[in-house]
Amino acid sequence: MRVLTTLVYGFSAWMASGLLVYAGAHATRPSAALRCAALAAGFLGVFRLYFRRPDSLRPWPAAGVTLALIAGLDGALLVPHLPRASDLFLSFWDWQLPALVVIGSILAAGAGASPRTKPQQGRH
């Protein structure tokens, strides 16, 4: 259940970041810096909420689960439109740098979270 919750938050952060990139692309010419800033804002914001949950994964496992989700989504949605499947994942600017930004944002959100406590049981 914890992994499923992480996947839901990861998908939400992916969507939020995509909307920020899309909105920024209409305001200015999209650049790697703009895409990375949108990724950082989306993932940092969503995962700050995630790490407030008492049942959240630790930051590194949460980052791993989320990165696997993003790789799967990108593989399913983007790779079919490329001449070679490896083009996306081997591109530093289009995939590797954004993946590092996502991981860094999740780790930063986890580092800034208050220590998790177990919910109190037996008190009414």
N, C-alpha and C. Protein backbone atom coordinates (compact mmCIF):
# COMPACT_ATOMS: atom_id res chain seq x y z
N MET A 1 0.82 -1.19 0.00
CA MET A 1 0.00 0.00 0.00
C MET A 1 0.87 1.26 0.00
N ARG A 2 2.01 1.20 0.69
CA ARG A 2 2.89 2.37 0.75
C ARG A 2 3.45 2.70 -0.64
N VAL A 3 3.78 1.67 -1.41
CA VAL A 3 4.30 1.89 -2.76
C VAL A 3 3.21 2.46 -3.66
N LEU A 4 1.99 1.96 -3.53
CA LEU A 4 0.87 2.49 -4.32
C LEU A 4 0.65 3.97 -4.01
N THR A 5 0.70 4.32 -2.75
CA THR A 5 0.55 5.73 -2.35
C THR A 5 1.68 6.58 -2.96
N THR A 6 2.89 6.05 -2.95
CA THR A 6 4.02 6.76 -3.55
C THR A 6 3.80 6.95 -5.04
N LEU A 7 3.27 5.92 -5.71
CA LEU A 7 2.99 6.03 -7.14
C LEU A 7 1.94 7.10 -7.42
N VAL A 8 0.92 7.19 -6.58
CA VAL A 8 -0.12 8.21 -6.78
C VAL A 8 0.48 9.61 -6.61
N TYR A 9 1.29 9.80 -5.60
CA TYR A 9 1.93 11.10 -5.41
C TYR A 9 2.90 11.39 -6.55
N GLY A 10 3.64 10.38 -6.99
CA GLY A 10 4.56 10.55 -8.10
C GLY A 10 3.84 10.95 -9.38
N PHE A 11 2.72 10.29 -9.66
CA PHE A 11 1.93 10.64 -10.84
C PHE A 11 1.39 12.07 -10.72
N SER A 12 0.94 12.44 -9.53
CA SER A 12 0.44 13.80 -9.31
C SER A 12 1.54 14.83 -9.54
N ALA A 13 2.73 14.55 -9.05
CA ALA A 13 3.86 15.47 -9.25
C ALA A 13 4.24 15.55 -10.72
N TRP A 14 4.19 14.43 -11.41
CA TRP A 14 4.49 14.39 -12.84
C TRP A 14 3.50 15.24 -13.62
N MET A 15 2.21 15.12 -13.27
CA MET A 15 1.18 15.92 -13.93
C MET A 15 1.33 17.41 -13.60
N ALA A 16 1.58 17.73 -12.34
CA ALA A 16 1.76 19.13 -11.95
C ALA A 16 2.95 19.75 -12.67
N SER A 17 4.03 19.02 -12.75
CA SER A 17 5.22 19.52 -13.45
C SER A 17 4.95 19.69 -14.94
N GLY A 18 4.22 18.74 -15.52
CA GLY A 18 3.86 18.84 -16.93
C GLY A 18 3.01 20.07 -17.21
N LEU A 19 2.08 20.36 -16.33
CA LEU A 19 1.26 21.56 -16.50
C LEU A 19 2.09 22.83 -16.37
N LEU A 20 3.05 22.84 -15.45
CA LEU A 20 3.93 23.99 -15.32
C LEU A 20 4.80 24.17 -16.56
N VAL A 21 5.31 23.08 -17.11
CA VAL A 21 6.11 23.16 -18.34
C VAL A 21 5.24 23.67 -19.48
N TYR A 22 4.03 23.13 -19.59
CA TYR A 22 3.11 23.54 -20.65
C TYR A 22 2.77 25.02 -20.54
N ALA A 23 2.48 25.49 -19.32
CA ALA A 23 2.17 26.91 -19.13
C ALA A 23 3.38 27.78 -19.43
N GLY A 24 4.54 27.35 -19.00
CA GLY A 24 5.76 28.11 -19.27
C GLY A 24 6.11 28.15 -20.75
N ALA A 25 5.77 27.09 -21.48
CA ALA A 25 6.06 27.04 -22.91
C ALA A 25 5.23 28.07 -23.67
N HIS A 26 4.06 28.41 -23.15
CA HIS A 26 3.25 29.42 -23.81
C HIS A 26 3.72 30.84 -23.48
N ALA A 27 4.40 30.98 -22.36
CA ALA A 27 4.89 32.30 -21.95
C ALA A 27 6.24 32.62 -22.58
N THR A 28 7.04 31.61 -22.81
CA THR A 28 8.39 31.82 -23.34
C THR A 28 8.82 30.57 -24.09
N ARG A 29 9.90 30.65 -24.79
CA ARG A 29 10.45 29.49 -25.50
C ARG A 29 10.92 28.48 -24.46
N PRO A 30 10.43 27.23 -24.53
CA PRO A 30 10.84 26.25 -23.52
C PRO A 30 12.34 25.96 -23.59
N SER A 31 12.95 25.91 -22.45
CA SER A 31 14.38 25.62 -22.36
C SER A 31 14.58 24.55 -21.30
N ALA A 32 15.79 24.01 -21.27
CA ALA A 32 16.10 23.00 -20.26
C ALA A 32 15.97 23.59 -18.86
N ALA A 33 16.38 24.83 -18.69
CA ALA A 33 16.29 25.48 -17.38
C ALA A 33 14.83 25.61 -16.94
N LEU A 34 13.96 25.99 -17.85
CA LEU A 34 12.54 26.14 -17.52
C LEU A 34 11.93 24.78 -17.17
N ARG A 35 12.24 23.76 -17.96
CA ARG A 35 11.71 22.42 -17.67
C ARG A 35 12.20 21.93 -16.32
N CYS A 36 13.46 22.14 -16.01
CA CYS A 36 14.01 21.68 -14.73
C CYS A 36 13.41 22.45 -13.56
N ALA A 37 13.19 23.75 -13.74
CA ALA A 37 12.56 24.55 -12.68
C ALA A 37 11.13 24.07 -12.43
N ALA A 38 10.40 23.75 -13.50
CA ALA A 38 9.04 23.26 -13.36
C ALA A 38 9.03 21.90 -12.67
N LEU A 39 9.97 21.04 -13.05
CA LEU A 39 10.08 19.73 -12.38
C LEU A 39 10.36 19.88 -10.90
N ALA A 40 11.31 20.74 -10.58
CA ALA A 40 11.67 20.95 -9.17
C ALA A 40 10.47 21.48 -8.39
N ALA A 41 9.76 22.45 -8.95
CA ALA A 41 8.61 23.03 -8.25
C ALA A 41 7.51 21.99 -8.06
N GLY A 42 7.20 21.25 -9.09
CA GLY A 42 6.13 20.26 -9.01
C GLY A 42 6.45 19.13 -8.04
N PHE A 43 7.64 18.55 -8.16
CA PHE A 43 7.99 17.41 -7.31
C PHE A 43 8.27 17.83 -5.88
N LEU A 44 8.89 18.97 -5.69
CA LEU A 44 9.16 19.43 -4.33
C LEU A 44 7.85 19.72 -3.60
N GLY A 45 6.92 20.39 -4.28
CA GLY A 45 5.64 20.71 -3.66
C GLY A 45 4.83 19.48 -3.30
N VAL A 46 4.69 18.56 -4.24
CA VAL A 46 3.89 17.37 -3.99
C VAL A 46 4.54 16.47 -2.94
N PHE A 47 5.85 16.30 -3.01
CA PHE A 47 6.50 15.39 -2.06
C PHE A 47 6.67 16.01 -0.68
N ARG A 48 6.57 17.31 -0.54
CA ARG A 48 6.48 17.89 0.81
C ARG A 48 5.21 17.41 1.49
N LEU A 49 4.14 17.35 0.73
CA LEU A 49 2.88 16.82 1.27
C LEU A 49 3.01 15.32 1.57
N TYR A 50 3.63 14.61 0.66
CA TYR A 50 3.78 13.15 0.81
C TYR A 50 4.54 12.81 2.09
N PHE A 51 5.64 13.50 2.34
CA PHE A 51 6.46 13.14 3.51
C PHE A 51 5.84 13.57 4.83
N ARG A 52 4.71 14.24 4.81
CA ARG A 52 3.97 14.53 6.04
C ARG A 52 3.16 13.31 6.49
N ARG A 53 2.98 12.37 5.58
CA ARG A 53 2.22 11.16 5.90
C ARG A 53 3.05 10.27 6.83
N PRO A 54 2.43 9.70 7.85
CA PRO A 54 3.19 8.82 8.74
C PRO A 54 3.61 7.51 8.07
N ASP A 55 2.94 7.13 7.00
CA ASP A 55 3.26 5.86 6.33
C ASP A 55 4.09 6.04 5.06
N SER A 56 4.72 7.20 4.89
CA SER A 56 5.50 7.43 3.67
C SER A 56 6.79 6.61 3.68
N LEU A 57 7.25 6.29 2.49
CA LEU A 57 8.55 5.63 2.35
C LEU A 57 9.64 6.62 2.70
N ARG A 58 10.82 6.15 2.95
CA ARG A 58 11.97 7.02 3.14
C ARG A 58 12.28 7.70 1.81
N PRO A 59 13.04 8.81 1.82
CA PRO A 59 13.27 9.56 0.58
C PRO A 59 13.90 8.77 -0.57
N TRP A 60 14.94 7.97 -0.33
CA TRP A 60 15.58 7.24 -1.43
C TRP A 60 14.65 6.23 -2.07
N PRO A 61 13.96 5.37 -1.30
CA PRO A 61 13.01 4.46 -1.94
C PRO A 61 11.88 5.19 -2.66
N ALA A 62 11.40 6.28 -2.08
CA ALA A 62 10.34 7.06 -2.73
C ALA A 62 10.84 7.62 -4.07
N ALA A 63 12.08 8.08 -4.09
CA ALA A 63 12.66 8.59 -5.34
C ALA A 63 12.80 7.47 -6.36
N GLY A 64 13.21 6.29 -5.93
CA GLY A 64 13.36 5.16 -6.84
C GLY A 64 12.04 4.72 -7.45
N VAL A 65 11.01 4.61 -6.61
CA VAL A 65 9.69 4.22 -7.10
C VAL A 65 9.17 5.26 -8.09
N THR A 66 9.34 6.52 -7.75
CA THR A 66 8.85 7.59 -8.62
C THR A 66 9.60 7.64 -9.93
N LEU A 67 10.91 7.46 -9.89
CA LEU A 67 11.69 7.47 -11.13
C LEU A 67 11.31 6.29 -12.02
N ALA A 68 11.04 5.14 -11.44
CA ALA A 68 10.58 3.99 -12.22
C ALA A 68 9.23 4.29 -12.88
N LEU A 69 8.35 4.96 -12.15
CA LEU A 69 7.06 5.35 -12.71
C LEU A 69 7.26 6.29 -13.90
N ILE A 70 8.11 7.28 -13.73
CA ILE A 70 8.34 8.26 -14.81
C ILE A 70 8.96 7.58 -16.03
N ALA A 71 9.89 6.69 -15.79
CA ALA A 71 10.50 5.96 -16.92
C ALA A 71 9.44 5.15 -17.65
N GLY A 72 8.55 4.52 -16.91
CA GLY A 72 7.47 3.76 -17.54
C GLY A 72 6.51 4.64 -18.34
N LEU A 73 6.14 5.78 -17.74
CA LEU A 73 5.25 6.70 -18.45
C LEU A 73 5.91 7.27 -19.70
N ASP A 74 7.16 7.70 -19.57
CA ASP A 74 7.87 8.23 -20.73
C ASP A 74 8.07 7.16 -21.79
N GLY A 75 8.37 5.94 -21.35
CA GLY A 75 8.54 4.84 -22.29
C GLY A 75 7.25 4.54 -23.05
N ALA A 76 6.14 4.59 -22.37
CA ALA A 76 4.85 4.28 -23.00
C ALA A 76 4.32 5.43 -23.85
N LEU A 77 4.55 6.66 -23.40
CA LEU A 77 3.94 7.81 -24.08
C LEU A 77 4.84 8.50 -25.11
N LEU A 78 6.14 8.51 -24.87
CA LEU A 78 7.04 9.27 -25.75
C LEU A 78 7.85 8.41 -26.70
N VAL A 79 8.37 7.31 -26.21
CA VAL A 79 9.27 6.48 -27.01
C VAL A 79 8.64 6.02 -28.34
N PRO A 80 7.35 5.67 -28.38
CA PRO A 80 6.79 5.24 -29.66
C PRO A 80 6.86 6.31 -30.76
N HIS A 81 7.04 7.56 -30.38
CA HIS A 81 7.09 8.65 -31.36
C HIS A 81 8.51 9.02 -31.77
N LEU A 82 9.49 8.29 -31.27
CA LEU A 82 10.89 8.58 -31.59
C LEU A 82 11.42 7.55 -32.58
N PRO A 83 12.41 7.96 -33.39
CA PRO A 83 12.97 7.02 -34.36
C PRO A 83 13.63 5.80 -33.70
N ARG A 84 14.32 6.02 -32.59
CA ARG A 84 14.96 4.93 -31.84
C ARG A 84 14.51 5.03 -30.39
N ALA A 85 14.20 3.90 -29.81
CA ALA A 85 13.70 3.87 -28.43
C ALA A 85 14.69 4.46 -27.44
N SER A 86 15.98 4.30 -27.71
CA SER A 86 16.99 4.77 -26.76
C SER A 86 17.23 6.28 -26.83
N ASP A 87 16.69 6.95 -27.86
CA ASP A 87 16.96 8.38 -28.02
C ASP A 87 16.59 9.20 -26.79
N LEU A 88 15.45 8.94 -26.22
CA LEU A 88 15.00 9.71 -25.06
C LEU A 88 15.87 9.45 -23.84
N PHE A 89 16.05 8.20 -23.48
CA PHE A 89 16.72 7.87 -22.24
C PHE A 89 18.22 8.14 -22.26
N LEU A 90 18.81 8.24 -23.44
CA LEU A 90 20.24 8.54 -23.55
C LEU A 90 20.53 10.03 -23.66
N SER A 91 19.48 10.83 -23.76
CA SER A 91 19.65 12.28 -23.88
C SER A 91 19.84 12.92 -22.50
N PHE A 92 20.97 13.57 -22.33
CA PHE A 92 21.24 14.24 -21.06
C PHE A 92 20.22 15.33 -20.78
N TRP A 93 19.96 16.19 -21.75
CA TRP A 93 19.08 17.35 -21.55
C TRP A 93 17.61 16.96 -21.47
N ASP A 94 17.21 15.92 -22.17
CA ASP A 94 15.80 15.57 -22.22
C ASP A 94 15.37 14.55 -21.17
N TRP A 95 16.32 13.75 -20.64
CA TRP A 95 15.88 12.76 -19.67
C TRP A 95 16.80 12.64 -18.46
N GLN A 96 18.08 12.58 -18.67
CA GLN A 96 18.98 12.34 -17.54
C GLN A 96 19.02 13.51 -16.57
N LEU A 97 19.17 14.73 -17.05
CA LEU A 97 19.17 15.90 -16.16
C LEU A 97 17.81 16.06 -15.47
N PRO A 98 16.69 15.98 -16.19
CA PRO A 98 15.40 16.04 -15.49
C PRO A 98 15.23 14.94 -14.44
N ALA A 99 15.74 13.74 -14.71
CA ALA A 99 15.65 12.65 -13.73
C ALA A 99 16.43 13.01 -12.47
N LEU A 100 17.59 13.60 -12.64
CA LEU A 100 18.38 14.04 -11.48
C LEU A 100 17.66 15.13 -10.70
N VAL A 101 16.99 16.03 -11.40
CA VAL A 101 16.23 17.09 -10.73
C VAL A 101 15.08 16.48 -9.93
N VAL A 102 14.41 15.50 -10.50
CA VAL A 102 13.31 14.82 -9.79
C VAL A 102 13.84 14.15 -8.53
N ILE A 103 14.91 13.40 -8.66
CA ILE A 103 15.49 12.72 -7.50
C ILE A 103 15.91 13.74 -6.44
N GLY A 104 16.59 14.79 -6.85
CA GLY A 104 17.03 15.83 -5.92
C GLY A 104 15.86 16.51 -5.22
N SER A 105 14.79 16.75 -5.95
CA SER A 105 13.61 17.40 -5.37
C SER A 105 12.94 16.51 -4.33
N ILE A 106 12.85 15.23 -4.63
CA ILE A 106 12.25 14.29 -3.67
C ILE A 106 13.12 14.16 -2.43
N LEU A 107 14.42 14.06 -2.63
CA LEU A 107 15.32 13.97 -1.47
C LEU A 107 15.27 15.25 -0.63
N ALA A 108 15.20 16.40 -1.29
CA ALA A 108 15.11 17.68 -0.56
C ALA A 108 13.81 17.76 0.22
N ALA A 109 12.72 17.31 -0.39
CA ALA A 109 11.43 17.32 0.32
C ALA A 109 11.48 16.39 1.52
N GLY A 110 12.13 15.24 1.36
CA GLY A 110 12.24 14.29 2.47
C GLY A 110 13.14 14.80 3.57
N ALA A 111 14.20 15.50 3.20
CA ALA A 111 15.12 16.04 4.20
C ALA A 111 14.47 17.15 5.00
N GLY A 112 13.57 17.89 4.38
CA GLY A 112 12.91 18.99 5.06
C GLY A 112 11.69 18.59 5.83
N ALA A 113 11.30 17.32 5.74
CA ALA A 113 10.11 16.85 6.44
C ALA A 113 10.40 16.62 7.91
N SER A 114 9.39 16.84 8.72
CA SER A 114 9.56 16.58 10.14
C SER A 114 9.63 15.07 10.35
N PRO A 115 10.27 14.64 11.42
CA PRO A 115 10.37 13.20 11.67
C PRO A 115 8.99 12.57 11.73
N ARG A 116 8.88 11.41 11.11
CA ARG A 116 7.58 10.72 11.06
C ARG A 116 7.28 10.12 12.42
N THR A 117 6.05 10.21 12.79
CA THR A 117 5.62 9.60 14.05
C THR A 117 4.48 8.64 13.74
N LYS A 118 4.38 7.60 14.52
CA LYS A 118 3.30 6.65 14.35
C LYS A 118 2.04 7.24 14.99
N PRO A 119 0.91 7.03 14.34
CA PRO A 119 -0.33 7.53 14.94
C PRO A 119 -0.59 6.86 16.29
N GLN A 120 -1.13 7.63 17.20
CA GLN A 120 -1.43 7.09 18.51
C GLN A 120 -2.62 6.17 18.43
N GLN A 121 -2.51 5.02 19.09
CA GLN A 121 -3.60 4.06 19.09
C GLN A 121 -4.10 3.89 20.50
N GLY A 122 -5.36 3.57 20.62
CA GLY A 122 -5.94 3.29 21.92
C GLY A 122 -6.44 4.53 22.66
N ARG A 123 -6.20 5.71 22.15
CA ARG A 123 -6.69 6.92 22.80
C ARG A 123 -7.96 7.38 22.10
N HIS A 124 -8.98 7.62 22.85
CA HIS A 124 -10.26 8.06 22.26
C HIS A 124 -10.66 9.36 22.87
